[in-house]
N, C-alpha and C. Protein backbone atom coordinates (compact mmCIF):
# COMPACT_ATOMS: atom_id res chain seq x y z
N MET A 1 -23.34 98.43 4.51
CA MET A 1 -22.96 97.53 5.54
C MET A 1 -23.56 96.15 5.32
N SER A 2 -24.59 96.18 4.72
CA SER A 2 -25.24 94.92 4.49
C SER A 2 -24.40 94.04 3.57
N GLU A 3 -23.66 94.65 2.69
CA GLU A 3 -22.77 93.85 1.85
C GLU A 3 -21.66 93.28 2.70
N LEU A 4 -21.22 94.05 3.58
CA LEU A 4 -20.17 93.60 4.49
C LEU A 4 -20.69 92.47 5.36
N THR A 5 -21.88 92.58 5.82
CA THR A 5 -22.48 91.55 6.65
C THR A 5 -22.68 90.30 5.81
N GLN A 6 -23.12 90.52 4.60
CA GLN A 6 -23.31 89.37 3.72
C GLN A 6 -21.98 88.69 3.43
N LEU A 7 -20.96 89.47 3.18
CA LEU A 7 -19.63 88.92 2.92
C LEU A 7 -19.13 88.18 4.14
N LYS A 8 -19.33 88.83 5.29
CA LYS A 8 -18.89 88.22 6.53
C LYS A 8 -19.64 86.90 6.74
N ASP A 9 -20.95 86.93 6.55
CA ASP A 9 -21.75 85.72 6.72
C ASP A 9 -21.34 84.65 5.71
N SER A 10 -21.04 85.10 4.48
CA SER A 10 -20.63 84.17 3.44
C SER A 10 -19.29 83.53 3.80
N VAL A 11 -18.34 84.34 4.27
CA VAL A 11 -17.01 83.82 4.66
C VAL A 11 -17.17 82.87 5.83
N LEU A 12 -17.99 83.28 6.80
CA LEU A 12 -18.21 82.42 7.96
C LEU A 12 -18.89 81.11 7.55
N ALA A 13 -19.85 81.21 6.65
CA ALA A 13 -20.56 80.01 6.19
C ALA A 13 -19.58 79.08 5.47
N GLN A 14 -18.72 79.67 4.62
CA GLN A 14 -17.73 78.84 3.91
C GLN A 14 -16.76 78.21 4.90
N ALA A 15 -16.31 79.02 5.86
CA ALA A 15 -15.37 78.50 6.86
C ALA A 15 -16.04 77.40 7.68
N ASN A 16 -17.30 77.65 8.02
CA ASN A 16 -18.05 76.67 8.79
C ASN A 16 -18.23 75.39 7.98
N GLU A 17 -18.54 75.57 6.69
CA GLU A 17 -18.73 74.41 5.81
C GLU A 17 -17.43 73.64 5.65
N LYS A 18 -16.31 74.36 5.44
CA LYS A 18 -15.00 73.71 5.31
C LYS A 18 -14.64 73.00 6.62
N GLY A 19 -14.91 73.68 7.73
CA GLY A 19 -14.63 73.07 9.04
C GLY A 19 -15.46 71.82 9.25
N GLN A 20 -16.74 71.92 8.84
CA GLN A 20 -17.64 70.77 8.99
C GLN A 20 -17.14 69.61 8.12
N LEU A 21 -16.70 69.91 6.88
CA LEU A 21 -16.17 68.87 5.99
C LEU A 21 -14.91 68.24 6.57
N LYS A 22 -14.01 69.11 7.12
CA LYS A 22 -12.78 68.58 7.74
C LYS A 22 -13.12 67.71 8.93
N LEU A 23 -14.10 68.16 9.73
CA LEU A 23 -14.51 67.39 10.90
C LEU A 23 -15.09 66.04 10.47
N GLU A 24 -15.95 66.07 9.45
CA GLU A 24 -16.55 64.82 8.97
C GLU A 24 -15.47 63.89 8.41
N ARG A 25 -14.52 64.49 7.63
CA ARG A 25 -13.43 63.69 7.09
C ARG A 25 -12.59 63.08 8.22
N ALA A 26 -12.27 63.89 9.21
CA ALA A 26 -11.47 63.42 10.35
C ALA A 26 -12.22 62.34 11.11
N GLN A 27 -13.54 62.57 11.32
CA GLN A 27 -14.34 61.56 12.01
C GLN A 27 -14.39 60.26 11.20
N HIS A 28 -14.55 60.42 9.89
CA HIS A 28 -14.59 59.25 9.01
C HIS A 28 -13.25 58.50 9.05
N GLU A 29 -12.14 59.24 8.95
CA GLU A 29 -10.81 58.63 9.01
C GLU A 29 -10.60 57.95 10.37
N HIS A 30 -11.00 58.64 11.43
CA HIS A 30 -10.85 58.08 12.78
C HIS A 30 -11.69 56.80 12.92
N ALA A 31 -12.93 56.82 12.42
CA ALA A 31 -13.80 55.65 12.49
C ALA A 31 -13.21 54.50 11.67
N LYS A 32 -12.69 54.86 10.49
CA LYS A 32 -12.08 53.85 9.62
C LYS A 32 -10.85 53.24 10.30
N GLU A 33 -10.00 54.10 10.87
CA GLU A 33 -8.80 53.63 11.57
C GLU A 33 -9.19 52.77 12.78
N TYR A 34 -10.22 53.22 13.51
CA TYR A 34 -10.70 52.47 14.67
C TYR A 34 -11.18 51.09 14.23
N GLN A 35 -11.96 51.04 13.15
CA GLN A 35 -12.49 49.76 12.66
C GLN A 35 -11.36 48.85 12.18
N THR A 36 -10.37 49.42 11.50
CA THR A 36 -9.22 48.63 11.03
C THR A 36 -8.47 48.04 12.21
N LYS A 37 -8.19 48.88 13.23
CA LYS A 37 -7.48 48.39 14.41
C LYS A 37 -8.31 47.35 15.15
N ARG A 38 -9.61 47.61 15.23
CA ARG A 38 -10.50 46.66 15.91
C ARG A 38 -10.49 45.32 15.17
N ASP A 39 -10.63 45.37 13.83
CA ASP A 39 -10.61 44.15 13.02
C ASP A 39 -9.28 43.42 13.18
N GLN A 40 -8.17 44.20 13.22
CA GLN A 40 -6.84 43.59 13.38
C GLN A 40 -6.73 42.91 14.75
N LEU A 41 -7.22 43.57 15.79
CA LEU A 41 -7.20 42.99 17.14
C LEU A 41 -8.03 41.71 17.20
N ILE A 42 -9.21 41.75 16.58
CA ILE A 42 -10.06 40.55 16.55
C ILE A 42 -9.35 39.43 15.79
N HIS A 43 -8.74 39.78 14.65
CA HIS A 43 -8.01 38.79 13.85
C HIS A 43 -6.83 38.22 14.65
N ASP A 44 -6.06 39.10 15.30
CA ASP A 44 -4.91 38.65 16.09
C ASP A 44 -5.35 37.76 17.24
N LYS A 45 -6.44 38.15 17.90
CA LYS A 45 -6.95 37.37 19.02
C LYS A 45 -7.41 35.99 18.54
N GLU A 46 -8.07 35.94 17.40
CA GLU A 46 -8.53 34.66 16.84
C GLU A 46 -7.34 33.80 16.42
N ALA A 47 -6.33 34.44 15.82
CA ALA A 47 -5.12 33.70 15.42
C ALA A 47 -4.42 33.14 16.65
N LEU A 48 -4.34 33.92 17.71
CA LEU A 48 -3.72 33.47 18.96
C LEU A 48 -4.52 32.30 19.54
N ARG A 49 -5.84 32.42 19.51
CA ARG A 49 -6.70 31.35 20.03
C ARG A 49 -6.48 30.06 19.22
N ARG A 50 -6.46 30.19 17.88
CA ARG A 50 -6.23 29.02 17.04
C ARG A 50 -4.85 28.42 17.30
N HIS A 51 -3.85 29.28 17.48
CA HIS A 51 -2.49 28.82 17.77
C HIS A 51 -2.45 28.05 19.09
N LYS A 52 -3.11 28.59 20.11
CA LYS A 52 -3.15 27.93 21.43
C LYS A 52 -3.87 26.59 21.32
N ILE A 53 -4.98 26.57 20.58
CA ILE A 53 -5.71 25.32 20.39
C ILE A 53 -4.83 24.31 19.66
N SER A 54 -4.12 24.77 18.63
CA SER A 54 -3.22 23.90 17.88
C SER A 54 -2.11 23.36 18.77
N GLU A 55 -1.53 24.22 19.61
CA GLU A 55 -0.49 23.78 20.55
C GLU A 55 -1.03 22.74 21.51
N LEU A 56 -2.23 22.97 22.04
CA LEU A 56 -2.84 22.02 22.96
C LEU A 56 -3.12 20.69 22.27
N LYS A 57 -3.62 20.78 21.04
CA LYS A 57 -3.90 19.57 20.27
C LYS A 57 -2.61 18.80 20.00
N ASP A 58 -1.56 19.51 19.58
CA ASP A 58 -0.26 18.87 19.32
C ASP A 58 0.29 18.23 20.58
N SER A 59 0.18 18.93 21.69
CA SER A 59 0.66 18.40 22.97
C SER A 59 -0.12 17.14 23.34
N TYR A 60 -1.42 17.18 23.15
CA TYR A 60 -2.27 16.03 23.44
C TYR A 60 -1.87 14.85 22.54
N MET A 61 -1.68 15.10 21.25
CA MET A 61 -1.32 14.04 20.31
C MET A 61 0.05 13.43 20.65
N ARG A 62 1.01 14.31 21.02
CA ARG A 62 2.33 13.80 21.42
C ARG A 62 2.20 12.91 22.65
N ARG A 63 1.42 13.35 23.61
CA ARG A 63 1.24 12.58 24.85
C ARG A 63 0.57 11.24 24.55
N MET A 64 -0.44 11.26 23.71
CA MET A 64 -1.12 10.02 23.34
C MET A 64 -0.17 9.08 22.61
N GLN A 65 0.70 9.64 21.76
CA GLN A 65 1.68 8.82 21.05
C GLN A 65 2.69 8.22 22.04
N GLN A 66 3.11 9.02 23.02
CA GLN A 66 4.02 8.52 24.05
C GLN A 66 3.38 7.37 24.83
N ILE A 67 2.11 7.54 25.19
CA ILE A 67 1.41 6.49 25.92
C ILE A 67 1.30 5.24 25.06
N SER A 68 0.95 5.42 23.79
CA SER A 68 0.84 4.29 22.87
C SER A 68 2.18 3.58 22.71
N ASN A 69 3.25 4.36 22.55
CA ASN A 69 4.59 3.77 22.42
C ASN A 69 4.98 3.03 23.69
N GLN A 70 4.65 3.61 24.84
CA GLN A 70 4.98 2.96 26.11
C GLN A 70 4.22 1.64 26.25
N GLN A 71 2.96 1.63 25.83
CA GLN A 71 2.18 0.39 25.89
C GLN A 71 2.78 -0.66 24.96
N ARG A 72 3.17 -0.23 23.76
CA ARG A 72 3.80 -1.17 22.82
C ARG A 72 5.10 -1.72 23.39
N LEU A 73 5.89 -0.83 23.97
CA LEU A 73 7.17 -1.24 24.54
C LEU A 73 6.96 -2.21 25.69
N THR A 74 5.98 -1.91 26.54
CA THR A 74 5.68 -2.80 27.66
C THR A 74 5.24 -4.16 27.14
N SER A 75 4.39 -4.15 26.13
CA SER A 75 3.92 -5.41 25.53
C SER A 75 5.09 -6.17 24.91
N LEU A 76 5.96 -5.45 24.20
CA LEU A 76 7.13 -6.07 23.58
C LEU A 76 8.04 -6.68 24.64
N ASN A 77 8.30 -5.93 25.71
CA ASN A 77 9.17 -6.43 26.78
C ASN A 77 8.57 -7.67 27.43
N SER A 78 7.26 -7.66 27.66
CA SER A 78 6.59 -8.82 28.27
C SER A 78 6.72 -10.04 27.36
N LYS A 79 6.47 -9.84 26.08
CA LYS A 79 6.57 -10.95 25.13
C LYS A 79 8.00 -11.48 25.06
N GLN A 80 8.96 -10.56 25.08
CA GLN A 80 10.36 -10.99 25.00
C GLN A 80 10.78 -11.75 26.25
N GLN A 81 10.27 -11.35 27.41
CA GLN A 81 10.58 -12.08 28.64
C GLN A 81 10.01 -13.49 28.59
N VAL A 82 8.77 -13.60 28.12
CA VAL A 82 8.15 -14.92 27.99
C VAL A 82 8.94 -15.76 26.99
N LEU A 83 9.33 -15.16 25.87
CA LEU A 83 10.08 -15.90 24.86
C LEU A 83 11.46 -16.34 25.37
N THR A 84 12.09 -15.48 26.16
CA THR A 84 13.40 -15.85 26.71
C THR A 84 13.27 -17.10 27.56
N VAL A 85 12.27 -17.12 28.43
CA VAL A 85 12.04 -18.30 29.27
C VAL A 85 11.72 -19.50 28.39
N LEU A 86 10.86 -19.30 27.41
CA LEU A 86 10.46 -20.38 26.52
C LEU A 86 11.66 -20.94 25.74
N PHE A 87 12.45 -20.05 25.15
CA PHE A 87 13.58 -20.51 24.34
C PHE A 87 14.69 -21.12 25.19
N ASP A 88 14.95 -20.54 26.34
CA ASP A 88 15.95 -21.14 27.23
C ASP A 88 15.50 -22.55 27.62
N GLY A 89 14.20 -22.68 27.86
CA GLY A 89 13.65 -24.00 28.18
C GLY A 89 13.76 -24.95 27.00
N ALA A 90 13.59 -24.44 25.79
CA ALA A 90 13.67 -25.29 24.59
C ALA A 90 15.08 -25.87 24.43
N VAL A 91 16.09 -25.05 24.66
CA VAL A 91 17.48 -25.54 24.56
C VAL A 91 17.70 -26.63 25.61
N GLU A 92 17.20 -26.40 26.81
CA GLU A 92 17.38 -27.38 27.89
C GLU A 92 16.67 -28.69 27.53
N VAL A 93 15.46 -28.59 27.00
CA VAL A 93 14.71 -29.80 26.60
C VAL A 93 15.49 -30.56 25.53
N MET A 94 16.00 -29.84 24.53
CA MET A 94 16.74 -30.51 23.45
C MET A 94 18.02 -31.15 23.98
N ASN A 95 18.70 -30.46 24.88
CA ASN A 95 19.93 -31.02 25.46
C ASN A 95 19.63 -32.27 26.28
N ASN A 96 18.42 -32.38 26.79
CA ASN A 96 18.04 -33.53 27.63
C ASN A 96 17.31 -34.62 26.86
N TRP A 97 17.30 -34.52 25.53
CA TRP A 97 16.69 -35.59 24.75
C TRP A 97 17.41 -36.91 25.03
N SER A 98 16.67 -37.97 24.89
CA SER A 98 17.27 -39.30 25.06
C SER A 98 18.18 -39.59 23.88
N SER A 99 18.92 -40.67 23.99
CA SER A 99 19.83 -41.08 22.92
C SER A 99 19.04 -41.29 21.63
N GLU A 100 17.88 -41.93 21.74
CA GLU A 100 17.06 -42.20 20.55
C GLU A 100 16.54 -40.91 19.92
N GLU A 101 16.11 -39.96 20.75
CA GLU A 101 15.61 -38.67 20.23
C GLU A 101 16.74 -37.90 19.54
N GLN A 102 17.93 -37.93 20.14
CA GLN A 102 19.09 -37.25 19.53
C GLN A 102 19.39 -37.87 18.17
N LEU A 103 19.39 -39.21 18.13
CA LEU A 103 19.69 -39.91 16.87
C LEU A 103 18.62 -39.64 15.82
N ASP A 104 17.37 -39.61 16.22
CA ASP A 104 16.30 -39.31 15.26
C ASP A 104 16.52 -37.94 14.62
N PHE A 105 16.90 -36.97 15.44
CA PHE A 105 17.15 -35.62 14.92
C PHE A 105 18.34 -35.63 13.95
N VAL A 106 19.42 -36.30 14.34
CA VAL A 106 20.61 -36.38 13.48
C VAL A 106 20.24 -37.05 12.15
N ARG A 107 19.52 -38.17 12.23
CA ARG A 107 19.13 -38.88 11.00
C ARG A 107 18.28 -37.99 10.08
N LYS A 108 17.32 -37.31 10.67
CA LYS A 108 16.42 -36.44 9.88
C LYS A 108 17.24 -35.41 9.10
N ILE A 109 18.24 -34.83 9.75
CA ILE A 109 19.07 -33.82 9.08
C ILE A 109 19.99 -34.48 8.04
N LEU A 110 20.61 -35.59 8.40
CA LEU A 110 21.52 -36.25 7.46
C LEU A 110 20.81 -36.70 6.19
N LYS A 111 19.54 -37.07 6.30
CA LYS A 111 18.79 -37.48 5.11
C LYS A 111 18.66 -36.34 4.10
N LYS A 112 18.69 -35.12 4.58
CA LYS A 112 18.64 -33.95 3.68
C LYS A 112 19.94 -33.81 2.88
N PHE A 113 21.02 -34.40 3.40
CA PHE A 113 22.33 -34.28 2.77
C PHE A 113 22.80 -35.60 2.15
N GLU A 114 21.90 -36.53 1.91
CA GLU A 114 22.28 -37.84 1.40
C GLU A 114 23.18 -37.72 0.18
N GLU A 115 24.10 -38.66 0.09
CA GLU A 115 25.05 -38.74 -1.02
C GLU A 115 26.06 -37.60 -1.04
N ARG A 116 26.18 -36.87 0.04
CA ARG A 116 27.20 -35.81 0.10
C ARG A 116 28.20 -36.20 1.18
N GLU A 117 29.46 -35.88 0.90
CA GLU A 117 30.51 -36.19 1.87
C GLU A 117 30.56 -35.10 2.93
N LEU A 118 30.33 -35.51 4.17
CA LEU A 118 30.25 -34.56 5.28
C LEU A 118 31.08 -35.03 6.45
N VAL A 119 31.44 -34.07 7.29
CA VAL A 119 32.05 -34.38 8.58
C VAL A 119 31.06 -33.94 9.64
N LEU A 120 30.71 -34.87 10.54
CA LEU A 120 29.76 -34.58 11.61
C LEU A 120 30.54 -34.39 12.91
N THR A 121 30.36 -33.23 13.54
CA THR A 121 31.00 -32.96 14.83
C THR A 121 29.90 -32.73 15.85
N PHE A 122 29.85 -33.62 16.84
CA PHE A 122 28.82 -33.51 17.87
C PHE A 122 29.18 -32.44 18.89
N GLY A 123 28.13 -31.87 19.47
CA GLY A 123 28.32 -31.04 20.65
C GLY A 123 28.60 -31.96 21.83
N GLU A 124 29.34 -31.47 22.80
CA GLU A 124 29.74 -32.28 23.95
C GLU A 124 28.53 -32.90 24.66
N LEU A 125 27.47 -32.14 24.84
CA LEU A 125 26.29 -32.64 25.57
C LEU A 125 25.57 -33.75 24.81
N THR A 126 25.56 -33.66 23.50
CA THR A 126 24.91 -34.70 22.68
C THR A 126 25.78 -35.95 22.64
N LYS A 127 27.08 -35.77 22.51
CA LYS A 127 28.00 -36.91 22.42
C LYS A 127 27.93 -37.76 23.70
N LYS A 128 27.71 -37.10 24.85
CA LYS A 128 27.62 -37.84 26.12
C LYS A 128 26.42 -38.78 26.14
N VAL A 129 25.36 -38.43 25.41
CA VAL A 129 24.11 -39.21 25.44
C VAL A 129 24.14 -40.35 24.43
N ILE A 130 24.80 -40.14 23.30
CA ILE A 130 24.77 -41.13 22.21
C ILE A 130 25.81 -42.22 22.48
N THR A 131 25.37 -43.44 22.35
CA THR A 131 26.24 -44.59 22.63
C THR A 131 27.14 -44.88 21.43
N GLU A 132 28.20 -45.64 21.68
CA GLU A 132 29.11 -46.05 20.60
C GLU A 132 28.36 -46.92 19.58
N THR A 133 27.46 -47.74 20.07
CA THR A 133 26.66 -48.58 19.17
C THR A 133 25.85 -47.71 18.22
N ALA A 134 25.25 -46.64 18.75
CA ALA A 134 24.46 -45.72 17.93
C ALA A 134 25.34 -45.02 16.90
N ILE A 135 26.57 -44.67 17.29
CA ILE A 135 27.49 -44.02 16.35
C ILE A 135 27.86 -44.98 15.22
N HIS A 136 28.11 -46.26 15.54
CA HIS A 136 28.41 -47.25 14.49
C HIS A 136 27.20 -47.43 13.57
N GLN A 137 26.02 -47.38 14.15
CA GLN A 137 24.80 -47.50 13.35
C GLN A 137 24.68 -46.32 12.37
N LEU A 138 25.00 -45.10 12.85
CA LEU A 138 24.97 -43.92 11.98
C LEU A 138 25.97 -44.07 10.84
N LYS A 139 27.17 -44.56 11.17
CA LYS A 139 28.21 -44.73 10.13
C LYS A 139 27.76 -45.71 9.05
N SER A 140 27.04 -46.75 9.46
CA SER A 140 26.60 -47.72 8.46
C SER A 140 25.42 -47.17 7.64
N GLU A 141 24.55 -46.38 8.26
CA GLU A 141 23.41 -45.79 7.53
C GLU A 141 23.86 -44.69 6.57
N PHE A 142 24.89 -43.95 6.97
CA PHE A 142 25.36 -42.80 6.18
C PHE A 142 26.87 -42.96 5.95
N PRO A 143 27.26 -43.83 5.03
CA PRO A 143 28.68 -44.15 4.84
C PRO A 143 29.54 -42.98 4.38
N LYS A 144 28.94 -41.95 3.77
CA LYS A 144 29.73 -40.80 3.30
C LYS A 144 29.96 -39.77 4.40
N VAL A 145 29.42 -40.03 5.58
CA VAL A 145 29.56 -39.10 6.70
C VAL A 145 30.68 -39.59 7.61
N SER A 146 31.67 -38.73 7.84
CA SER A 146 32.74 -39.03 8.80
C SER A 146 32.36 -38.38 10.13
N ILE A 147 32.59 -39.10 11.21
CA ILE A 147 32.25 -38.56 12.52
C ILE A 147 33.54 -38.15 13.22
N ASN A 148 33.61 -36.88 13.54
CA ASN A 148 34.78 -36.29 14.19
C ASN A 148 34.85 -36.76 15.64
N ASP A 149 36.05 -37.11 16.10
CA ASP A 149 36.23 -37.52 17.49
C ASP A 149 36.17 -36.33 18.44
N GLU A 150 36.51 -35.16 17.92
CA GLU A 150 36.45 -33.94 18.74
C GLU A 150 34.98 -33.56 18.95
N THR A 151 34.72 -32.82 20.02
CA THR A 151 33.36 -32.32 20.26
C THR A 151 33.41 -30.81 20.45
N ILE A 152 32.23 -30.21 20.41
CA ILE A 152 32.12 -28.76 20.64
C ILE A 152 31.72 -28.58 22.10
N ALA A 153 32.60 -27.94 22.84
CA ALA A 153 32.45 -27.84 24.30
C ALA A 153 31.13 -27.18 24.72
N LYS A 154 30.52 -27.77 25.72
CA LYS A 154 29.33 -27.22 26.39
C LYS A 154 28.15 -26.97 25.46
N GLU A 155 28.08 -27.70 24.37
CA GLU A 155 26.99 -27.51 23.40
C GLU A 155 26.26 -28.82 23.17
N GLY A 156 24.97 -28.70 22.83
CA GLY A 156 24.18 -29.83 22.38
C GLY A 156 23.93 -29.66 20.90
N GLY A 157 23.68 -30.78 20.21
CA GLY A 157 23.47 -30.71 18.77
C GLY A 157 24.74 -31.09 18.03
N PHE A 158 24.89 -30.56 16.83
CA PHE A 158 26.05 -30.94 16.01
C PHE A 158 26.25 -29.93 14.89
N ILE A 159 27.41 -30.05 14.25
CA ILE A 159 27.72 -29.25 13.06
C ILE A 159 28.11 -30.22 11.96
N LEU A 160 27.57 -29.98 10.77
CA LEU A 160 27.98 -30.73 9.58
C LEU A 160 28.89 -29.82 8.76
N THR A 161 30.00 -30.38 8.30
CA THR A 161 30.95 -29.59 7.52
C THR A 161 31.11 -30.24 6.15
N GLU A 162 31.01 -29.40 5.13
CA GLU A 162 31.21 -29.86 3.75
C GLU A 162 32.11 -28.84 3.07
N ASP A 163 33.31 -29.25 2.69
CA ASP A 163 34.26 -28.36 2.02
C ASP A 163 34.39 -27.02 2.76
N ARG A 164 34.67 -27.07 4.01
CA ARG A 164 34.88 -25.89 4.87
C ARG A 164 33.62 -25.03 5.06
N ILE A 165 32.49 -25.55 4.67
CA ILE A 165 31.22 -24.85 4.93
C ILE A 165 30.52 -25.58 6.06
N ASP A 166 30.18 -24.83 7.11
CA ASP A 166 29.52 -25.42 8.28
C ASP A 166 28.01 -25.23 8.19
N PHE A 167 27.31 -26.32 8.46
CA PHE A 167 25.85 -26.29 8.61
C PHE A 167 25.60 -26.51 10.09
N ASN A 168 25.18 -25.45 10.76
CA ASN A 168 25.14 -25.44 12.22
C ASN A 168 23.79 -25.94 12.73
N TYR A 169 23.84 -27.05 13.46
CA TYR A 169 22.65 -27.61 14.10
C TYR A 169 22.85 -27.71 15.61
N LEU A 170 23.67 -26.80 16.14
CA LEU A 170 23.79 -26.72 17.59
C LEU A 170 22.48 -26.16 18.12
N TYR A 171 21.99 -26.74 19.19
CA TYR A 171 20.66 -26.37 19.68
C TYR A 171 20.57 -24.89 20.05
N THR A 172 21.62 -24.37 20.65
CA THR A 172 21.58 -22.94 21.02
C THR A 172 21.45 -22.07 19.77
N LYS A 173 22.13 -22.44 18.69
CA LYS A 173 22.08 -21.65 17.45
C LYS A 173 20.73 -21.80 16.75
N LEU A 174 20.18 -23.01 16.76
CA LEU A 174 18.86 -23.21 16.15
C LEU A 174 17.80 -22.39 16.87
N VAL A 175 17.84 -22.44 18.19
CA VAL A 175 16.86 -21.69 18.99
C VAL A 175 17.09 -20.19 18.83
N GLU A 176 18.35 -19.77 18.79
CA GLU A 176 18.66 -18.35 18.62
C GLU A 176 18.13 -17.82 17.29
N ALA A 177 18.28 -18.60 16.23
CA ALA A 177 17.78 -18.18 14.91
C ALA A 177 16.26 -18.05 14.94
N THR A 178 15.60 -19.00 15.58
CA THR A 178 14.14 -18.93 15.69
C THR A 178 13.73 -17.75 16.54
N ARG A 179 14.47 -17.53 17.64
CA ARG A 179 14.17 -16.40 18.53
C ARG A 179 14.29 -15.08 17.76
N ASN A 180 15.33 -14.94 16.95
CA ASN A 180 15.52 -13.70 16.19
C ASN A 180 14.38 -13.47 15.21
N GLU A 181 13.93 -14.53 14.55
CA GLU A 181 12.80 -14.40 13.62
C GLU A 181 11.54 -13.96 14.36
N ILE A 182 11.29 -14.59 15.50
CA ILE A 182 10.08 -14.26 16.27
C ILE A 182 10.18 -12.85 16.85
N ASN A 183 11.36 -12.48 17.34
CA ASN A 183 11.54 -11.12 17.87
C ASN A 183 11.30 -10.07 16.78
N LEU A 184 11.73 -10.37 15.56
CA LEU A 184 11.50 -9.46 14.44
C LEU A 184 10.00 -9.32 14.18
N GLU A 185 9.29 -10.44 14.21
CA GLU A 185 7.83 -10.40 14.01
C GLU A 185 7.14 -9.61 15.13
N ILE A 186 7.60 -9.80 16.36
CA ILE A 186 7.00 -9.07 17.49
C ILE A 186 7.27 -7.58 17.35
N ALA A 187 8.48 -7.22 16.95
CA ALA A 187 8.82 -5.80 16.77
C ALA A 187 7.96 -5.19 15.66
N LYS A 188 7.77 -5.93 14.58
CA LYS A 188 6.92 -5.44 13.49
C LYS A 188 5.50 -5.21 14.00
N GLU A 189 5.01 -6.17 14.77
CA GLU A 189 3.65 -6.05 15.32
C GLU A 189 3.56 -4.88 16.29
N ALA A 190 4.56 -4.74 17.14
CA ALA A 190 4.54 -3.69 18.17
C ALA A 190 4.64 -2.30 17.56
N PHE A 191 5.41 -2.16 16.49
CA PHE A 191 5.64 -0.83 15.93
C PHE A 191 4.95 -0.62 14.59
N GLY A 192 4.11 -1.57 14.22
CA GLY A 192 3.28 -1.39 13.03
C GLY A 192 4.04 -1.27 11.74
N THR A 193 5.15 -2.01 11.59
CA THR A 193 5.92 -1.97 10.34
C THR A 193 5.73 -3.28 9.60
N ASP A 194 6.06 -3.24 8.32
CA ASP A 194 5.97 -4.46 7.50
C ASP A 194 7.33 -4.88 7.05
């Protein structure tokens, strides 16, 4: 019987040992799986946190850019309003020049075209200010310049024509060209472009 008991004890010991190994393996696998899932959860939670922080940062940056753009736009609008008043005033000042001031401007421009055959057409507002004596004086100073009897309605300044090419010195056009250049500079400044 003792052999039987020994066999029984041996079988039980082996079964117990196998069971213990299976239990240890299962516990090890369970611990490993638990650690993997835990690490994955920690990783996912950290990724979510980073994503939320990134979203908040992006939202903040967009809002700051909107505020910056709004400030630039407000500044641009203010400058353009001031320039509109300034340029409208400039046209009015030029239209109200005296006869002598109008003639000085015409002479200054005609000197740039000396020795060229031109037709000078006054704007209606300028022609009203310049006397016939002044027109005869211009004709004698610039004999190659013909003065058109027609005028350009509701305009100050003049146009010089050479072979169907117009050189526009109407005050509204001169001021408009300057305004466009300045508006371009303001836009570059406001939006940081070159």
